[in-house]
C-alpha atoms as a PDB file:
ATOM      1  CA  THR A   1       1.160  -9.264  19.345  1.00  0.00           C
ATOM      2  CA  LEU A   2       4.039 -11.040  17.572  1.00  0.00           C
ATOM      3  CA  LEU A   3       3.272  -9.176  14.363  1.00  0.00           C
ATOM      4  CA  ASN A   4       3.077  -5.755  16.010  1.00  0.00           C
ATOM      5  CA  THR A   5       6.253  -6.392  18.018  1.00  0.00           C
ATOM      6  CA  THR A   6       8.220  -7.590  14.996  1.00  0.00           C
ATOM      7  CA  LEU A   7       7.087  -4.709  12.841  1.00  0.00           C
ATOM      8  CA  GLY A   8       7.978  -2.316  15.622  1.00  0.00           C
ATOM      9  CA  ILE A   9      11.501  -3.689  15.926  1.00  0.00           C
ATOM     10  CA  SER A  10      12.072  -3.267  12.197  1.00  0.00           C
ATOM     11  CA  LEU A  11      11.369   0.466  12.450  1.00  0.00           C
ATOM     12  CA  LYS A  12      14.620   1.421  14.158  1.00  0.00           C
ATOM     13  CA  GLY A  13      16.407   4.345  12.603  1.00  0.00           C
ATOM     14  CA  CYS A  14      15.850   8.045  12.490  1.00  0.00           C
ATOM     15  CA  PHE A  15      13.777  10.020  14.958  1.00  0.00           C
ATOM     16  CA  TYR A  16      10.609   9.948  12.886  1.00  0.00           C
ATOM     17  CA  LYS A  17      10.890   6.234  12.238  1.00  0.00           C
ATOM     18  CA  ARG A  18      11.145   5.661  15.972  1.00  0.00           C
ATOM     19  CA  LEU A  19       8.090   7.802  16.599  1.00  0.00           C
ATOM     20  CA  LEU A  20       6.053   5.526  14.342  1.00  0.00           C
ATOM     21  CA  ILE A  21       6.528   2.531  16.662  1.00  0.00           C
ATOM     22  CA  ILE A  22       5.359   4.206  19.873  1.00  0.00           C
ATOM     23  CA  ASP A  23       2.057   2.512  20.694  1.00  0.00           C
ATOM     24  CA  ASP A  24       0.660   5.240  22.940  1.00  0.00           C
ATOM     25  CA  PHE A  25       0.984   8.310  20.725  1.00  0.00           C
ATOM     26  CA  SER A  26      -2.202   9.710  19.258  1.00  0.00           C
ATOM     27  CA  GLU A  27      -3.452   8.945  15.767  1.00  0.00           C
ATOM     28  CA  SER A  28      -3.199  12.650  14.937  1.00  0.00           C
ATOM     29  CA  LYS A  29       0.555  12.521  15.582  1.00  0.00           C
ATOM     30  CA  ARG A  30       0.966   9.557  13.250  1.00  0.00           C
ATOM     31  CA  ILE A  31      -0.824  11.506  10.523  1.00  0.00           C
ATOM     32  CA  LEU A  32       1.429  14.515  11.105  1.00  0.00           C
ATOM     33  CA  ILE A  33       4.528  12.303  10.876  1.00  0.00           C
ATOM     34  CA  TRP A  34       3.325  10.748   7.613  1.00  0.00           C
ATOM     35  CA  ASN A  35       2.631  14.195   6.223  1.00  0.00           C
ATOM     36  CA  PHE A  36       5.977  15.565   7.466  1.00  0.00           C
ATOM     37  CA  ILE A  37       7.921  12.771   5.756  1.00  0.00           C
ATOM     38  CA  ALA A  38       5.862  13.014   2.566  1.00  0.00           C
ATOM     39  CA  GLU A  39       6.094  16.797   2.206  1.00  0.00           C
ATOM     40  CA  ARG A  40       9.889  16.703   2.294  1.00  0.00           C
ATOM     41  CA  CYS A  41      10.197  13.958  -0.282  1.00  0.00           C
ATOM     42  CA  ILE A  42       7.887  15.105  -3.046  1.00  0.00           C
ATOM     43  CA  LYS A  43       8.591  18.027  -5.322  1.00  0.00           C
ATOM     44  CA  LYS A  44       5.854  20.603  -5.288  1.00  0.00           C
ATOM     45  CA  ASN A  45       4.853  22.385  -8.467  1.00  0.00           C
ATOM     46  CA  SER A  46       6.075  19.506 -10.619  1.00  0.00           C
ATOM     47  CA  ILE A  47       2.721  18.193 -11.798  1.00  0.00           C
ATOM     48  CA  ARG A  48       2.910  16.316 -15.089  1.00  0.00           C
ATOM     49  CA  GLN A  49      -0.408  16.821 -16.823  1.00  0.00           C
ATOM     50  CA  GLN A  50      -1.965  14.177 -19.051  1.00  0.00           C
ATOM     51  CA  SER A  51      -3.561  14.915 -22.388  1.00  0.00           C
ATOM     52  CA  SER A  52      -7.169  16.041 -22.257  1.00  0.00           C
ATOM     53  CA  GLU A  53      -8.146  13.007 -24.375  1.00  0.00           C
ATOM     54  CA  THR A  54      -6.982  10.560 -21.707  1.00  0.00           C
ATOM     55  CA  ILE A  55      -8.723  12.105 -18.695  1.00  0.00           C
ATOM     56  CA  PRO A  56     -12.438  11.442 -19.631  1.00  0.00           C
ATOM     57  CA  LYS A  57     -11.740   7.763 -20.304  1.00  0.00           C
ATOM     58  CA  MET A  58      -9.802   7.441 -17.045  1.00  0.00           C
ATOM     59  CA  GLU A  59     -12.548   9.243 -15.123  1.00  0.00           C
ATOM     60  CA  ASN A  60     -15.122   6.619 -16.172  1.00  0.00           C
ATOM     61  CA  ILE A  61     -12.880   3.785 -14.936  1.00  0.00           C
ATOM     62  CA  ILE A  62     -12.260   5.605 -11.662  1.00  0.00           C
ATOM     63  CA  LEU A  63     -15.979   6.230 -11.143  1.00  0.00           C
ATOM     64  CA  MET A  64     -16.706   2.512 -11.457  1.00  0.00           C
ATOM     65  CA  ASP A  65     -14.021   1.619  -8.911  1.00  0.00           C
ATOM     66  CA  VAL A  66     -15.171   4.323  -6.486  1.00  0.00           C
ATOM     67  CA  LYS A  67     -18.627   2.721  -6.483  1.00  0.00           C
ATOM     68  CA  ARG A  68     -17.025  -0.661  -5.686  1.00  0.00           C
ATOM     69  CA  THR A  69     -15.111   0.704  -2.677  1.00  0.00           C
ATOM     70  CA  ASN A  70     -17.533  -0.504  -0.019  1.00  0.00           C
ATOM     71  CA  PHE A  71     -15.564   0.674   3.052  1.00  0.00           C
ATOM     72  CA  TYR A  72     -15.622   4.337   1.968  1.00  0.00           C
ATOM     73  CA  LYS A  73     -19.053   5.707   1.145  1.00  0.00           C
ATOM     74  CA  SER A  74     -18.947   9.027   3.005  1.00  0.00           C
ATOM     75  CA  ASN A  75     -17.629  11.179   0.134  1.00  0.00           C
ATOM     76  CA  PRO A  76     -17.246   9.357  -3.209  1.00  0.00           C
ATOM     77  CA  GLU A  77     -16.719  12.632  -5.074  1.00  0.00           C
ATOM     78  CA  GLU A  78     -13.667  13.397  -2.928  1.00  0.00           C
ATOM     79  CA  LEU A  79     -12.215   9.942  -3.602  1.00  0.00           C
ATOM     80  CA  LYS A  80     -12.808  10.375  -7.338  1.00  0.00           C
ATOM     81  CA  ASN A  81     -11.019  13.745  -7.350  1.00  0.00           C
ATOM     82  CA  LEU A  82      -8.071  12.331  -5.412  1.00  0.00           C
ATOM     83  CA  LEU A  83      -7.640   9.432  -7.848  1.00  0.00           C
ATOM     84  CA  LEU A  84      -7.900  11.724 -10.856  1.00  0.00           C
ATOM     85  CA  GLU A  85      -5.228  14.008  -9.408  1.00  0.00           C
ATOM     86  CA  ILE A  86      -2.913  11.056  -8.777  1.00  0.00           C
ATOM     87  CA  SER A  87      -3.410   9.655 -12.283  1.00  0.00           C
ATOM     88  CA  GLU A  88      -2.639  13.069 -13.787  1.00  0.00           C
ATOM     89  CA  PHE A  89       0.433  13.521 -11.597  1.00  0.00           C
ATOM     90  CA  PHE A  90       1.884  10.095 -12.494  1.00  0.00           C
ATOM     91  CA  PRO A  91       1.142   9.456 -16.184  1.00  0.00           C
ATOM     92  CA  LYS A  92       3.697   6.623 -16.428  1.00  0.00           C
ATOM     93  CA  THR A  93       1.672   4.635 -13.932  1.00  0.00           C
ATOM     94  CA  ASN A  94      -1.672   6.278 -14.572  1.00  0.00           C
ATOM     95  CA  TYR A  95      -4.624   4.851 -12.639  1.00  0.00           C
ATOM     96  CA  TYR A  96      -4.824   1.147 -11.899  1.00  0.00           C
ATOM     97  CA  GLN A  97      -7.473  -0.856 -10.073  1.00  0.00           C
ATOM     98  CA  GLY A  98      -6.466  -0.926  -6.419  1.00  0.00           C
ATOM     99  CA  MET A  99      -5.547   2.738  -6.115  1.00  0.00           C
ATOM    100  CA  ASN A 100      -9.145   3.284  -5.043  1.00  0.00           C
ATOM    101  CA  CYS A 101      -8.473   1.223  -1.895  1.00  0.00           C
ATOM    102  CA  ILE A 102      -5.305   3.161  -1.062  1.00  0.00           C
ATOM    103  CA  GLY A 103      -7.052   6.488  -1.592  1.00  0.00           C
ATOM    104  CA  ALA A 104     -10.113   5.457   0.399  1.00  0.00           C
ATOM    105  CA  PHE A 105      -7.937   4.261   3.280  1.00  0.00           C
ATOM    106  CA  LEU A 106      -5.993   7.534   3.409  1.00  0.00           C
ATOM    107  CA  LEU A 107      -9.120   9.679   3.247  1.00  0.00           C
ATOM    108  CA  SER A 108     -10.968   7.692   5.904  1.00  0.00           C
ATOM    109  CA  TYR A 109      -7.965   7.564   8.251  1.00  0.00           C
ATOM    110  CA  THR A 110      -6.614  11.108   7.908  1.00  0.00           C
ATOM    111  CA  ASN A 111      -9.979  12.759   7.270  1.00  0.00           C
ATOM    112  CA  ASP A 112      -8.024  15.385   5.326  1.00  0.00           C
ATOM    113  CA  TYR A 113      -7.870  15.641   1.532  1.00  0.00           C
ATOM    114  CA  ASN A 114      -4.622  17.632   1.380  1.00  0.00           C
ATOM    115  CA  ILE A 115      -2.753  15.252   3.666  1.00  0.00           C
ATOM    116  CA  SER A 116      -4.154  12.257   1.787  1.00  0.00           C
ATOM    117  CA  ILE A 117      -2.996  13.551  -1.590  1.00  0.00           C
ATOM    118  CA  THR A 118       0.437  14.465  -0.207  1.00  0.00           C
ATOM    119  CA  VAL A 119       0.944  11.027   1.342  1.00  0.00           C
ATOM    120  CA  PHE A 120      -0.373   9.279  -1.783  1.00  0.00           C
ATOM    121  CA  LYS A 121       2.035  11.242  -3.982  1.00  0.00           C
ATOM    122  CA  TYR A 122       4.899  10.267  -1.695  1.00  0.00           C
ATOM    123  CA  LEU A 123       3.946   6.586  -1.882  1.00  0.00           C
ATOM    124  CA  MET A 124       3.720   6.782  -5.656  1.00  0.00           C
ATOM    125  CA  ALA A 125       6.973   8.682  -6.153  1.00  0.00           C
ATOM    126  CA  ARG A 126       9.089   6.748  -3.655  1.00  0.00           C
ATOM    127  CA  ARG A 127       7.495   3.297  -3.623  1.00  0.00           C
ATOM    128  CA  LEU A 128       4.845   2.387  -6.202  1.00  0.00           C
ATOM    129  CA  GLU A 129       5.673   4.056  -9.519  1.00  0.00           C
ATOM    130  CA  ARG A 130       9.003   2.275  -9.960  1.00  0.00           C
ATOM    131  CA  PHE A 131       7.402  -1.163 -10.024  1.00  0.00           C
ATOM    132  CA  PHE A 132       3.925  -0.445 -11.353  1.00  0.00           C
ATOM    133  CA  LYS A 133       4.573   1.896 -14.285  1.00  0.00           C
ATOM    134  CA  LYS A 134       4.123   0.748 -17.892  1.00  0.00           C
ATOM    135  CA  ASN A 135       1.456  -1.862 -17.079  1.00  0.00           C
ATOM    136  CA  PHE A 136       3.258  -3.353 -14.061  1.00  0.00           C
ATOM    137  CA  LEU A 137       6.427  -4.054 -16.019  1.00  0.00           C
ATOM    138  CA  HIS A 138       8.526  -4.715 -12.911  1.00  0.00           C
ATOM    139  CA  ILE A 139       6.048  -6.307 -10.505  1.00  0.00           C
ATOM    140  CA  LYS A 140       7.497  -9.719 -11.345  1.00  0.00           C
ATOM    141  CA  LYS A 141      10.711  -8.637  -9.622  1.00  0.00           C
ATOM    142  CA  LEU A 142       8.851  -8.210  -6.331  1.00  0.00           C
ATOM    143  CA  LEU A 143       7.105 -11.544  -6.752  1.00  0.00           C
ATOM    144  CA  TYR A 144      10.404 -13.266  -7.539  1.00  0.00           C
ATOM    145  CA  ILE A 145      12.111 -11.794  -4.461  1.00  0.00           C
ATOM    146  CA  LEU A 146       9.195 -12.828  -2.251  1.00  0.00           C
ATOM    147  CA  GLU A 147       9.186 -16.324  -3.749  1.00  0.00           C
ATOM    148  CA  LYS A 148      12.873 -16.781  -2.882  1.00  0.00           C
ATOM    149  CA  LEU A 149      12.335 -15.424   0.638  1.00  0.00           C
ATOM    150  CA  ILE A 150       9.507 -17.888   1.214  1.00  0.00           C
ATOM    151  CA  GLU A 151      11.628 -20.766  -0.086  1.00  0.00           C
ATOM    152  CA  GLN A 152      14.382 -19.820   2.359  1.00  0.00           C
ATOM    153  CA  HIS A 153      12.444 -18.826   5.468  1.00  0.00           C
ATOM    154  CA  LEU A 154       9.130 -20.699   5.165  1.00  0.00           C
ATOM    155  CA  PRO A 155       9.977 -24.061   3.532  1.00  0.00           C
ATOM    156  CA  GLN A 156       6.867 -25.847   4.815  1.00  0.00           C
ATOM    157  CA  PHE A 157       4.591 -23.092   3.576  1.00  0.00           C
ATOM    158  CA  ASN A 158       6.391 -23.156   0.219  1.00  0.00           C
ATOM    159  CA  SER A 159       6.057 -26.939  -0.063  1.00  0.00           C
ATOM    160  CA  CYS A 160       2.348 -26.670   0.644  1.00  0.00           C
ATOM    161  CA  LEU A 161       1.888 -24.105  -2.143  1.00  0.00           C
ATOM    162  CA  LEU A 162       3.782 -26.308  -4.568  1.00  0.00           C
ATOM    163  CA  LYS A 163       1.783 -29.377  -3.586  1.00  0.00           C
ATOM    164  CA  LEU A 164      -1.515 -27.561  -4.086  1.00  0.00           C
ATOM    165  CA  LYS A 165      -0.229 -25.924  -7.292  1.00  0.00           C
ATOM    166  CA  ILE A 166      -1.037 -22.433  -6.034  1.00  0.00           C
ATOM    167  CA  ASN A 167       0.856 -19.634  -7.744  1.00  0.00           C
ATOM    168  CA  LEU A 168       2.120 -16.920  -5.438  1.00  0.00           C
ATOM    169  CA  ASP A 169       0.972 -14.089  -7.686  1.00  0.00           C
ATOM    170  CA  PHE A 170      -2.625 -15.332  -7.434  1.00  0.00           C
ATOM    171  CA  PHE A 171      -3.074 -14.048  -3.879  1.00  0.00           C
ATOM    172  CA  VAL A 172      -0.044 -11.779  -3.329  1.00  0.00           C
ATOM    173  CA  THR A 173      -0.562  -9.365  -6.242  1.00  0.00           C
ATOM    174  CA  PRO A 174      -3.562  -7.604  -4.586  1.00  0.00           C
ATOM    175  CA  MET A 175      -1.442  -7.137  -1.442  1.00  0.00           C
ATOM    176  CA  LEU A 176       1.289  -5.460  -3.479  1.00  0.00           C
ATOM    177  CA  LEU A 177      -0.968  -3.290  -5.633  1.00  0.00           C
ATOM    178  CA  THR A 178      -3.028  -1.972  -2.736  1.00  0.00           C
ATOM    179  CA  ILE A 179      -0.485  -2.126   0.140  1.00  0.00           C
ATOM    180  CA  PHE A 180      -2.928  -4.435   1.926  1.00  0.00           C
ATOM    181  CA  THR A 181      -5.690  -1.803   1.844  1.00  0.00           C
ATOM    182  CA  SER A 182      -7.923  -4.075  -0.245  1.00  0.00           C
ATOM    183  CA  SER A 183      -8.320  -6.158   2.937  1.00  0.00           C
ATOM    184  CA  LEU A 184     -10.566  -3.371   4.266  1.00  0.00           C
ATOM    185  CA  GLN A 185     -13.193  -4.506   1.770  1.00  0.00           C
ATOM    186  CA  TYR A 186     -13.640  -7.609   3.959  1.00  0.00           C
ATOM    187  CA  ILE A 187     -12.029  -7.095   7.399  1.00  0.00           C
ATOM    188  CA  GLN A 188     -11.517  -3.612   8.781  1.00  0.00           C
ATOM    189  CA  ASN A 189      -8.364  -4.221  10.840  1.00  0.00           C
ATOM    190  CA  TYR A 190      -6.914  -0.720  10.918  1.00  0.00           C
ATOM    191  CA  LYS A 191      -4.319  -1.434  13.623  1.00  0.00           C
ATOM    192  CA  LEU A 192      -2.599  -4.116  11.539  1.00  0.00           C
ATOM    193  CA  LEU A 193      -2.786  -1.987   8.400  1.00  0.00           C
ATOM    194  CA  LEU A 194      -1.319   1.040  10.177  1.00  0.00           C
ATOM    195  CA  ASN A 195       1.644  -1.019  11.367  1.00  0.00           C
ATOM    196  CA  ILE A 196       2.251  -2.184   7.813  1.00  0.00           C
ATOM    197  CA  PHE A 197       2.019   1.377   6.498  1.00  0.00           C
ATOM    198  CA  ASP A 198       4.525   2.555   9.103  1.00  0.00           C
ATOM    199  CA  VAL A 199       6.992  -0.093   7.925  1.00  0.00           C
ATOM    200  CA  PHE A 200       6.328   0.739   4.264  1.00  0.00           C
ATOM    201  CA  PHE A 201       6.959   4.422   4.968  1.00  0.00           C
ATOM    202  CA  SER A 202      10.224   3.703   6.753  1.00  0.00           C
ATOM    203  CA  HIS A 203      11.729   0.729   4.939  1.00  0.00           C
ATOM    204  CA  GLY A 204       9.970   0.555   1.594  1.00  0.00           C
ATOM    205  CA  TRP A 205       9.520  -2.730  -0.217  1.00  0.00           C
ATOM    206  CA  ILE A 206      12.074  -4.602   1.888  1.00  0.00           C
ATOM    207  CA  GLY A 207      10.036  -3.875   4.996  1.00  0.00           C
ATOM    208  CA  PHE A 208       6.781  -4.641   3.207  1.00  0.00           C
ATOM    209  CA  LEU A 209       7.960  -8.056   2.028  1.00  0.00           C
ATOM    210  CA  LYS A 210       9.046  -8.800   5.599  1.00  0.00           C
ATOM    211  CA  CYS A 211       5.490  -7.986   6.699  1.00  0.00           C
ATOM    212  CA  ILE A 212       4.151 -10.545   4.225  1.00  0.00           C
ATOM    213  CA  LEU A 213       6.604 -13.147   5.530  1.00  0.00           C
ATOM    214  CA  ILE A 214       5.490 -12.492   9.112  1.00  0.00           C
ATOM    215  CA  LEU A 215       1.835 -12.833   8.113  1.00  0.00           C
ATOM    216  CA  PHE A 216       2.502 -16.090   6.273  1.00  0.00           C
ATOM    217  CA  LYS A 217       4.516 -17.366   9.228  1.00  0.00           C
ATOM    218  CA  SER A 218       1.586 -16.680  11.551  1.00  0.00           C
ATOM    219  CA  ILE A 219      -0.726 -18.870   9.431  1.00  0.00           C
ATOM    220  CA  GLU A 220       1.841 -21.434   8.255  1.00  0.00           C
ATOM    221  CA  LYS A 221       0.866 -24.118  10.791  1.00  0.00           C
ATOM    222  CA  ASN A 222      -2.838 -23.863   9.936  1.00  0.00           C
ATOM    223  CA  ILE A 223      -2.116 -24.026   6.205  1.00  0.00           C
ATOM    224  CA  VAL A 224       0.241 -26.992   6.496  1.00  0.00           C
ATOM    225  CA  ASP A 225      -2.105 -28.889   8.834  1.00  0.00           C
END
């Protein structure tokens, strides 16, 4: 309840951001809002094709990850095609392990390939590509910001990590790379994930890092004890 309330409060802003925090609107409306926002932020007909030599090698890697995606078995061919299209559209980032979880989540939730690819392209263009291109060149910036936020806002949690010699990137990197969707491999909590996606849509990485802080705050006492 605390998590959902806090995430909801952080979504103040424009009309569509406010719509995303209404608990009683239908799931179909959320999907339409995601698609509406995404369609207006990505440039159509601007596909950047990769060389034909790169695609077969990438397809083999994608096929292996599709088989490992245990929470989406209904249409593996569709997931493979989606990931290939994304990797071709964003050659600077290409495909990385974890995109399979994002793609599988979008396909299973929207049940629509076109909406899934539109939303995925939006997330890549406006959120993911900047930090994850060129072999995750800038992901350390996100980890550094989060580390400083934890030091400031969760000192006990931070002290516990230091005492146990646990590096933040060890367990936070999968959260960043998959926008928490990798959690569906173990616990299928769609309500929590949808709240996080709404924040990520509206407030980008700042909102996402706040989500991580809230999650860590909710378990801080158990970890420290």
